[in-house]
Amino acid sequence: MGSVCFYGVLAAILAARASGRAAKWCIWTGAVLLIGMIGYSRIYLGVHYPSDVIAGYCAGAVWVGAVVFVSKIHMDPHKE
């Protein structure tokens, strides 16, 4: 969950500042691959069960989505 939260928000920040679709795609792809490798290593080393990792991914994705949503609302230049 920690890696999803950290690298997901980092990717969102970097992608918002990146220009071009290819750059944004590379940022998000790198974040997803890194998060996936961290989750796999947790299972491989026997620290967590696969269900634990999947639950962490889901909880982290909800958290990142909420942070990005609130950030977009807060930074909207058209709000009154």
PDB file of N, CA and C in Angstrom:
ATOM      1  N   MET A   1       0.835  -1.189   0.000  1.00  0.00           N
ATOM      2  CA  MET A   1       0.000   0.000   0.000  1.00  0.00           C
ATOM      3  C   MET A   1       0.877   1.250   0.000  1.00  0.00           C
ATOM      4  N   GLY A   2       1.944   1.196   0.763  1.00  0.00           N
ATOM      5  CA  GLY A   2       2.840   2.354   0.822  1.00  0.00           C
ATOM      6  C   GLY A   2       3.467   2.690  -0.516  1.00  0.00           C
ATOM      7  N   SER A   3       3.866   1.666  -1.264  1.00  0.00           N
ATOM      8  CA  SER A   3       4.479   1.932  -2.564  1.00  0.00           C
ATOM      9  C   SER A   3       3.455   2.474  -3.551  1.00  0.00           C
ATOM     10  N   VAL A   4       2.231   1.984  -3.502  1.00  0.00           N
ATOM     11  CA  VAL A   4       1.183   2.501  -4.392  1.00  0.00           C
ATOM     12  C   VAL A   4       0.905   3.965  -4.070  1.00  0.00           C
ATOM     13  N   CYS A   5       0.803   4.270  -2.792  1.00  0.00           N
ATOM     14  CA  CYS A   5       0.530   5.654  -2.389  1.00  0.00           C
ATOM     15  C   CYS A   5       1.664   6.584  -2.794  1.00  0.00           C
ATOM     16  N   PHE A   6       2.890   6.200  -2.469  1.00  0.00           N
ATOM     17  CA  PHE A   6       4.026   7.078  -2.752  1.00  0.00           C
ATOM     18  C   PHE A   6       4.271   7.238  -4.248  1.00  0.00           C
ATOM     19  N   TYR A   7       4.451   6.116  -4.944  1.00  0.00           N
ATOM     20  CA  TYR A   7       4.777   6.204  -6.361  1.00  0.00           C
ATOM     21  C   TYR A   7       3.587   6.629  -7.214  1.00  0.00           C
ATOM     22  N   GLY A   8       2.361   6.346  -6.755  1.00  0.00           N
ATOM     23  CA  GLY A   8       1.183   6.810  -7.484  1.00  0.00           C
ATOM     24  C   GLY A   8       1.042   8.317  -7.440  1.00  0.00           C
ATOM     25  N   VAL A   9       1.201   8.890  -6.261  1.00  0.00           N
ATOM     26  CA  VAL A   9       1.117  10.349  -6.142  1.00  0.00           C
ATOM     27  C   VAL A   9       2.296  11.016  -6.844  1.00  0.00           C
ATOM     28  N   LEU A  10       3.481  10.420  -6.728  1.00  0.00           N
ATOM     29  CA  LEU A  10       4.650  10.962  -7.430  1.00  0.00           C
ATOM     30  C   LEU A  10       4.425  10.955  -8.940  1.00  0.00           C
ATOM     31  N   ALA A  11       3.879   9.870  -9.463  1.00  0.00           N
ATOM     32  CA  ALA A  11       3.594   9.800 -10.894  1.00  0.00           C
ATOM     33  C   ALA A  11       2.532  10.821 -11.291  1.00  0.00           C
ATOM     34  N   ALA A  12       1.527  11.006 -10.455  1.00  0.00           N
ATOM     35  CA  ALA A  12       0.482  11.993 -10.759  1.00  0.00           C
ATOM     36  C   ALA A  12       1.060  13.405 -10.809  1.00  0.00           C
ATOM     37  N   ILE A  13       1.937  13.718  -9.867  1.00  0.00           N
ATOM     38  CA  ILE A  13       2.559  15.050  -9.844  1.00  0.00           C
ATOM     39  C   ILE A  13       3.435  15.251 -11.068  1.00  0.00           C
ATOM     40  N   LEU A  14       4.272  14.258 -11.369  1.00  0.00           N
ATOM     41  CA  LEU A  14       5.171  14.378 -12.521  1.00  0.00           C
ATOM     42  C   LEU A  14       4.401  14.403 -13.840  1.00  0.00           C
ATOM     43  N   ALA A  15       3.363  13.583 -13.955  1.00  0.00           N
ATOM     44  CA  ALA A  15       2.584  13.549 -15.196  1.00  0.00           C
ATOM     45  C   ALA A  15       1.828  14.858 -15.414  1.00  0.00           C
ATOM     46  N   ALA A  16       1.395  15.489 -14.343  1.00  0.00           N
ATOM     47  CA  ALA A  16       0.692  16.769 -14.483  1.00  0.00           C
ATOM     48  C   ALA A  16       1.625  17.854 -15.000  1.00  0.00           C
ATOM     49  N   ARG A  17       2.884  17.742 -14.684  1.00  0.00           N
ATOM     50  CA  ARG A  17       3.856  18.743 -15.118  1.00  0.00           C
ATOM     51  C   ARG A  17       4.518  18.395 -16.453  1.00  0.00           C
ATOM     52  N   ALA A  18       4.368  17.154 -16.904  1.00  0.00           N
ATOM     53  CA  ALA A  18       4.997  16.715 -18.148  1.00  0.00           C
ATOM     54  C   ALA A  18       4.194  17.213 -19.342  1.00  0.00           C
ATOM     55  N   SER A  19       4.918  17.496 -20.402  1.00  0.00           N
ATOM     56  CA  SER A  19       4.247  17.894 -21.636  1.00  0.00           C
ATOM     57  C   SER A  19       4.371  16.748 -22.634  1.00  0.00           C
ATOM     58  N   GLY A  20       3.289  16.416 -23.239  1.00  0.00           N
ATOM     59  CA  GLY A  20       3.291  15.345 -24.219  1.00  0.00           C
ATOM     60  C   GLY A  20       2.731  14.048 -23.657  1.00  0.00           C
ATOM     61  N   ARG A  21       2.032  13.376 -24.526  1.00  0.00           N
ATOM     62  CA  ARG A  21       1.393  12.124 -24.128  1.00  0.00           C
ATOM     63  C   ARG A  21       2.415  11.025 -23.869  1.00  0.00           C
ATOM     64  N   ALA A  22       3.485  10.985 -24.641  1.00  0.00           N
ATOM     65  CA  ALA A  22       4.500   9.942 -24.476  1.00  0.00           C
ATOM     66  C   ALA A  22       5.204  10.057 -23.125  1.00  0.00           C
ATOM     67  N   ALA A  23       5.477  11.269 -22.703  1.00  0.00           N
ATOM     68  CA  ALA A  23       6.137  11.474 -21.413  1.00  0.00           C
ATOM     69  C   ALA A  23       5.234  11.021 -20.270  1.00  0.00           C
ATOM     70  N   LYS A  24       3.951  11.376 -20.352  1.00  0.00           N
ATOM     71  CA  LYS A  24       3.013  10.953 -19.314  1.00  0.00           C
ATOM     72  C   LYS A  24       2.866   9.441 -19.284  1.00  0.00           C
ATOM     73  N   TRP A  25       2.823   8.816 -20.453  1.00  0.00           N
ATOM     74  CA  TRP A  25       2.720   7.368 -20.549  1.00  0.00           C
ATOM     75  C   TRP A  25       3.946   6.698 -19.930  1.00  0.00           C
ATOM     76  N   CYS A  26       5.129   7.226 -20.204  1.00  0.00           N
ATOM     77  CA  CYS A  26       6.363   6.665 -19.635  1.00  0.00           C
ATOM     78  C   CYS A  26       6.392   6.804 -18.112  1.00  0.00           C
ATOM     79  N   ILE A  27       5.957   7.922 -17.606  1.00  0.00           N
ATOM     80  CA  ILE A  27       5.935   8.141 -16.154  1.00  0.00           C
ATOM     81  C   ILE A  27       5.010   7.131 -15.488  1.00  0.00           C
ATOM     82  N   TRP A  28       3.794   6.987 -15.991  1.00  0.00           N
ATOM     83  CA  TRP A  28       2.834   6.071 -15.387  1.00  0.00           C
ATOM     84  C   TRP A  28       3.257   4.615 -15.564  1.00  0.00           C
ATOM     85  N   THR A  29       3.834   4.284 -16.721  1.00  0.00           N
ATOM     86  CA  THR A  29       4.309   2.919 -16.938  1.00  0.00           C
ATOM     87  C   THR A  29       5.432   2.577 -15.968  1.00  0.00           C
ATOM     88  N   GLY A  30       6.359   3.502 -15.777  1.00  0.00           N
ATOM     89  CA  GLY A  30       7.448   3.276 -14.827  1.00  0.00           C
ATOM     90  C   GLY A  30       6.938   3.090 -13.410  1.00  0.00           C
ATOM     91  N   ALA A  31       5.963   3.896 -13.022  1.00  0.00           N
ATOM     92  CA  ALA A  31       5.397   3.782 -11.671  1.00  0.00           C
ATOM     93  C   ALA A  31       4.690   2.442 -11.486  1.00  0.00           C
ATOM     94  N   VAL A  32       3.913   2.032 -12.476  1.00  0.00           N
ATOM     95  CA  VAL A  32       3.186   0.764 -12.377  1.00  0.00           C
ATOM     96  C   VAL A  32       4.163  -0.406 -12.326  1.00  0.00           C
ATOM     97  N   LEU A  33       5.203  -0.382 -13.145  1.00  0.00           N
ATOM     98  CA  LEU A  33       6.196  -1.464 -13.122  1.00  0.00           C
ATOM     99  C   LEU A  33       6.927  -1.516 -11.783  1.00  0.00           C
ATOM    100  N   LEU A  34       7.296  -0.381 -11.252  1.00  0.00           N
ATOM    101  CA  LEU A  34       7.982  -0.341  -9.959  1.00  0.00           C
ATOM    102  C   LEU A  34       7.081  -0.856  -8.844  1.00  0.00           C
ATOM    103  N   ILE A  35       5.834  -0.430  -8.835  1.00  0.00           N
ATOM    104  CA  ILE A  35       4.880  -0.893  -7.832  1.00  0.00           C
ATOM    105  C   ILE A  35       4.661  -2.400  -7.968  1.00  0.00           C
ATOM    106  N   GLY A  36       4.538  -2.872  -9.195  1.00  0.00           N
ATOM    107  CA  GLY A  36       4.360  -4.300  -9.423  1.00  0.00           C
ATOM    108  C   GLY A  36       5.545  -5.123  -8.945  1.00  0.00           C
ATOM    109  N   MET A  37       6.753  -4.639  -9.196  1.00  0.00           N
ATOM    110  CA  MET A  37       7.953  -5.362  -8.743  1.00  0.00           C
ATOM    111  C   MET A  37       8.053  -5.376  -7.224  1.00  0.00           C
ATOM    112  N   ILE A  38       7.670  -4.296  -6.591  1.00  0.00           N
ATOM    113  CA  ILE A  38       7.701  -4.252  -5.121  1.00  0.00           C
ATOM    114  C   ILE A  38       6.691  -5.253  -4.557  1.00  0.00           C
ATOM    115  N   GLY A  39       5.488  -5.289  -5.118  1.00  0.00           N
ATOM    116  CA  GLY A  39       4.484  -6.249  -4.666  1.00  0.00           C
ATOM    117  C   GLY A  39       4.928  -7.684  -4.883  1.00  0.00           C
ATOM    118  N   TYR A  40       5.523  -7.950  -6.046  1.00  0.00           N
ATOM    119  CA  TYR A  40       6.022  -9.299  -6.326  1.00  0.00           C
ATOM    120  C   TYR A  40       7.121  -9.689  -5.345  1.00  0.00           C
ATOM    121  N   SER A  41       8.005  -8.760  -5.024  1.00  0.00           N
ATOM    122  CA  SER A  41       9.086  -9.079  -4.096  1.00  0.00           C
ATOM    123  C   SER A  41       8.558  -9.394  -2.704  1.00  0.00           C
ATOM    124  N   ARG A  42       7.472  -8.725  -2.298  1.00  0.00           N
ATOM    125  CA  ARG A  42       6.873  -9.010  -0.989  1.00  0.00           C
ATOM    126  C   ARG A  42       6.323 -10.432  -0.936  1.00  0.00           C
ATOM    127  N   ILE A  43       5.726 -10.877  -2.049  1.00  0.00           N
ATOM    128  CA  ILE A  43       5.208 -12.251  -2.119  1.00  0.00           C
ATOM    129  C   ILE A  43       6.366 -13.242  -2.204  1.00  0.00           C
ATOM    130  N   TYR A  44       7.346 -12.961  -3.056  1.00  0.00           N
ATOM    131  CA  TYR A  44       8.479 -13.852  -3.271  1.00  0.00           C
ATOM    132  C   TYR A  44       9.276 -14.082  -1.984  1.00  0.00           C
ATOM    133  N   LEU A  45       9.455 -13.035  -1.212  1.00  0.00           N
ATOM    134  CA  LEU A  45      10.211 -13.154   0.029  1.00  0.00           C
ATOM    135  C   LEU A  45       9.386 -13.754   1.165  1.00  0.00           C
ATOM    136  N   GLY A  46       8.119 -13.986   0.932  1.00  0.00           N
ATOM    137  CA  GLY A  46       7.268 -14.609   1.932  1.00  0.00           C
ATOM    138  C   GLY A  46       6.802 -13.676   3.027  1.00  0.00           C
ATOM    139  N   VAL A  47       6.895 -12.388   2.787  1.00  0.00           N
ATOM    140  CA  VAL A  47       6.487 -11.406   3.790  1.00  0.00           C
ATOM    141  C   VAL A  47       4.975 -11.253   3.808  1.00  0.00           C
ATOM    142  N   HIS A  48       4.339 -11.374   2.637  1.00  0.00           N
ATOM    143  CA  HIS A  48       2.891 -11.212   2.528  1.00  0.00           C
ATOM    144  C   HIS A  48       2.307 -12.297   1.637  1.00  0.00           C
ATOM    145  N   TYR A  49       1.019 -12.574   1.824  1.00  0.00           N
ATOM    146  CA  TYR A  49       0.265 -13.426   0.922  1.00  0.00           C
ATOM    147  C   TYR A  49      -0.156 -12.595  -0.284  1.00  0.00           C
ATOM    148  N   PRO A  50      -0.440 -13.250  -1.425  1.00  0.00           N
ATOM    149  CA  PRO A  50      -0.914 -12.487  -2.587  1.00  0.00           C
ATOM    150  C   PRO A  50      -2.172 -11.657  -2.292  1.00  0.00           C
ATOM    151  N   SER A  51      -3.063 -12.187  -1.464  1.00  0.00           N
ATOM    152  CA  SER A  51      -4.275 -11.426  -1.132  1.00  0.00           C
ATOM    153  C   SER A  51      -3.938 -10.140  -0.376  1.00  0.00           C
ATOM    154  N   ASP A  52      -2.893 -10.188   0.448  1.00  0.00           N
ATOM    155  CA  ASP A  52      -2.466  -8.975   1.159  1.00  0.00           C
ATOM    156  C   ASP A  52      -1.984  -7.912   0.180  1.00  0.00           C
ATOM    157  N   VAL A  53      -1.214  -8.346  -0.799  1.00  0.00           N
ATOM    158  CA  VAL A  53      -0.664  -7.401  -1.784  1.00  0.00           C
ATOM    159  C   VAL A  53      -1.786  -6.809  -2.633  1.00  0.00           C
ATOM    160  N   ILE A  54      -2.718  -7.646  -3.061  1.00  0.00           N
ATOM    161  CA  ILE A  54      -3.840  -7.151  -3.869  1.00  0.00           C
ATOM    162  C   ILE A  54      -4.688  -6.170  -3.070  1.00  0.00           C
ATOM    163  N   ALA A  55      -4.932  -6.471  -1.802  1.00  0.00           N
ATOM    164  CA  ALA A  55      -5.697  -5.548  -0.951  1.00  0.00           C
ATOM    165  C   ALA A  55      -4.951  -4.225  -0.780  1.00  0.00           C
ATOM    166  N   GLY A  56      -3.642  -4.287  -0.633  1.00  0.00           N
ATOM    167  CA  GLY A  56      -2.846  -3.065  -0.538  1.00  0.00           C
ATOM    168  C   GLY A  56      -2.906  -2.249  -1.810  1.00  0.00           C
ATOM    169  N   TYR A  57      -2.865  -2.934  -2.960  1.00  0.00           N
ATOM    170  CA  TYR A  57      -2.995  -2.234  -4.240  1.00  0.00           C
ATOM    171  C   TYR A  57      -4.345  -1.519  -4.324  1.00  0.00           C
ATOM    172  N   CYS A  58      -5.406  -2.203  -3.943  1.00  0.00           N
ATOM    173  CA  CYS A  58      -6.753  -1.613  -4.019  1.00  0.00           C
ATOM    174  C   CYS A  58      -6.890  -0.420  -3.082  1.00  0.00           C
ATOM    175  N   ALA A  59      -6.455  -0.588  -1.848  1.00  0.00           N
ATOM    176  CA  ALA A  59      -6.549   0.508  -0.880  1.00  0.00           C
ATOM    177  C   ALA A  59      -5.683   1.691  -1.308  1.00  0.00           C
ATOM    178  N   GLY A  60      -4.495   1.416  -1.796  1.00  0.00           N
ATOM    179  CA  GLY A  60      -3.615   2.481  -2.262  1.00  0.00           C
ATOM    180  C   GLY A  60      -4.170   3.200  -3.476  1.00  0.00           C
ATOM    181  N   ALA A  61      -4.790   2.453  -4.398  1.00  0.00           N
ATOM    182  CA  ALA A  61      -5.381   3.075  -5.587  1.00  0.00           C
ATOM    183  C   ALA A  61      -6.529   4.005  -5.206  1.00  0.00           C
ATOM    184  N   VAL A  62      -7.332   3.600  -4.232  1.00  0.00           N
ATOM    185  CA  VAL A  62      -8.422   4.468  -3.762  1.00  0.00           C
ATOM    186  C   VAL A  62      -7.846   5.736  -3.147  1.00  0.00           C
ATOM    187  N   TRP A  63      -6.807   5.588  -2.343  1.00  0.00           N
ATOM    188  CA  TRP A  63      -6.185   6.744  -1.699  1.00  0.00           C
ATOM    189  C   TRP A  63      -5.588   7.695  -2.738  1.00  0.00           C
ATOM    190  N   VAL A  64      -4.843   7.152  -3.707  1.00  0.00           N
ATOM    191  CA  VAL A  64      -4.236   7.994  -4.751  1.00  0.00           C
ATOM    192  C   VAL A  64      -5.331   8.690  -5.561  1.00  0.00           C
ATOM    193  N   GLY A  65      -6.387   7.960  -5.900  1.00  0.00           N
ATOM    194  CA  GLY A  65      -7.492   8.578  -6.636  1.00  0.00           C
ATOM    195  C   GLY A  65      -8.127   9.719  -5.869  1.00  0.00           C
ATOM    196  N   ALA A  66      -8.297   9.538  -4.577  1.00  0.00           N
ATOM    197  CA  ALA A  66      -8.885  10.601  -3.749  1.00  0.00           C
ATOM    198  C   ALA A  66      -7.963  11.809  -3.669  1.00  0.00           C
ATOM    199  N   VAL A  67      -6.686  11.580  -3.499  1.00  0.00           N
ATOM    200  CA  VAL A  67      -5.729  12.689  -3.422  1.00  0.00           C
ATOM    201  C   VAL A  67      -5.681  13.457  -4.741  1.00  0.00           C
ATOM    202  N   VAL A  68      -5.655  12.746  -5.853  1.00  0.00           N
ATOM    203  CA  VAL A  68      -5.620  13.412  -7.162  1.00  0.00           C
ATOM    204  C   VAL A  68      -6.920  14.185  -7.395  1.00  0.00           C
ATOM    205  N   PHE A  69      -8.047  13.598  -7.026  1.00  0.00           N
ATOM    206  CA  PHE A  69      -9.342  14.267  -7.183  1.00  0.00           C
ATOM    207  C   PHE A  69      -9.402  15.557  -6.370  1.00  0.00           C
ATOM    208  N   VAL A  70      -9.021  15.486  -5.111  1.00  0.00           N
ATOM    209  CA  VAL A  70      -9.042  16.671  -4.251  1.00  0.00           C
ATOM    210  C   VAL A  70      -8.046  17.717  -4.743  1.00  0.00           C
ATOM    211  N   SER A  71      -6.897  17.258  -5.224  1.00  0.00           N
ATOM    212  CA  SER A  71      -5.896  18.180  -5.749  1.00  0.00           C
ATOM    213  C   SER A  71      -6.422  18.934  -6.967  1.00  0.00           C
ATOM    214  N   LYS A  72      -7.114  18.220  -7.857  1.00  0.00           N
ATOM    215  CA  LYS A  72      -7.661  18.881  -9.041  1.00  0.00           C
ATOM    216  C   LYS A  72      -8.748  19.877  -8.672  1.00  0.00           C
ATOM    217  N   ILE A  73      -9.557  19.542  -7.694  1.00  0.00           N
ATOM    218  CA  ILE A  73     -10.597  20.484  -7.248  1.00  0.00           C
ATOM    219  C   ILE A  73      -9.947  21.715  -6.613  1.00  0.00           C
ATOM    220  N   HIS A  74      -8.939  21.483  -5.788  1.00  0.00           N
ATOM    221  CA  HIS A  74      -8.267  22.575  -5.081  1.00  0.00           C
ATOM    222  C   HIS A  74      -7.514  23.495  -6.038  1.00  0.00           C
ATOM    223  N   MET A  75      -6.940  22.960  -7.075  1.00  0.00           N
ATOM    224  CA  MET A  75      -6.131  23.741  -8.007  1.00  0.00           C
ATOM    225  C   MET A  75      -6.915  24.265  -9.208  1.00  0.00           C
ATOM    226  N   ASP A  76      -8.233  24.048  -9.238  1.00  0.00           N
ATOM    227  CA  ASP A  76      -9.056  24.494 -10.370  1.00  0.00           C
ATOM    228  C   ASP A  76      -9.053  26.018 -10.432  1.00  0.00           C
ATOM    229  N   PRO A  77      -8.545  26.594 -11.523  1.00  0.00           N
ATOM    230  CA  PRO A  77      -8.487  28.058 -11.612  1.00  0.00           C
ATOM    231  C   PRO A  77      -9.849  28.702 -11.848  1.00  0.00           C
ATOM    232  N   HIS A  78     -10.881  27.915 -12.205  1.00  0.00           N
ATOM    233  CA  HIS A  78     -12.193  28.480 -12.510  1.00  0.00           C
ATOM    234  C   HIS A  78     -13.149  28.464 -11.328  1.00  0.00           C
ATOM    235  N   LYS A  79     -12.701  27.980 -10.184  1.00  0.00           N
ATOM    236  CA  LYS A  79     -13.616  27.952  -9.037  1.00  0.00           C
ATOM    237  C   LYS A  79     -13.797  29.363  -8.492  1.00  0.00           C
ATOM    238  N   GLU A  80     -14.911  29.581  -7.832  1.00  0.00           N
ATOM    239  CA  GLU A  80     -15.237  30.919  -7.362  1.00  0.00           C
ATOM    240  C   GLU A  80     -14.694  31.192  -6.000  1.00  0.00           C
TER     241      GLU A  80
END
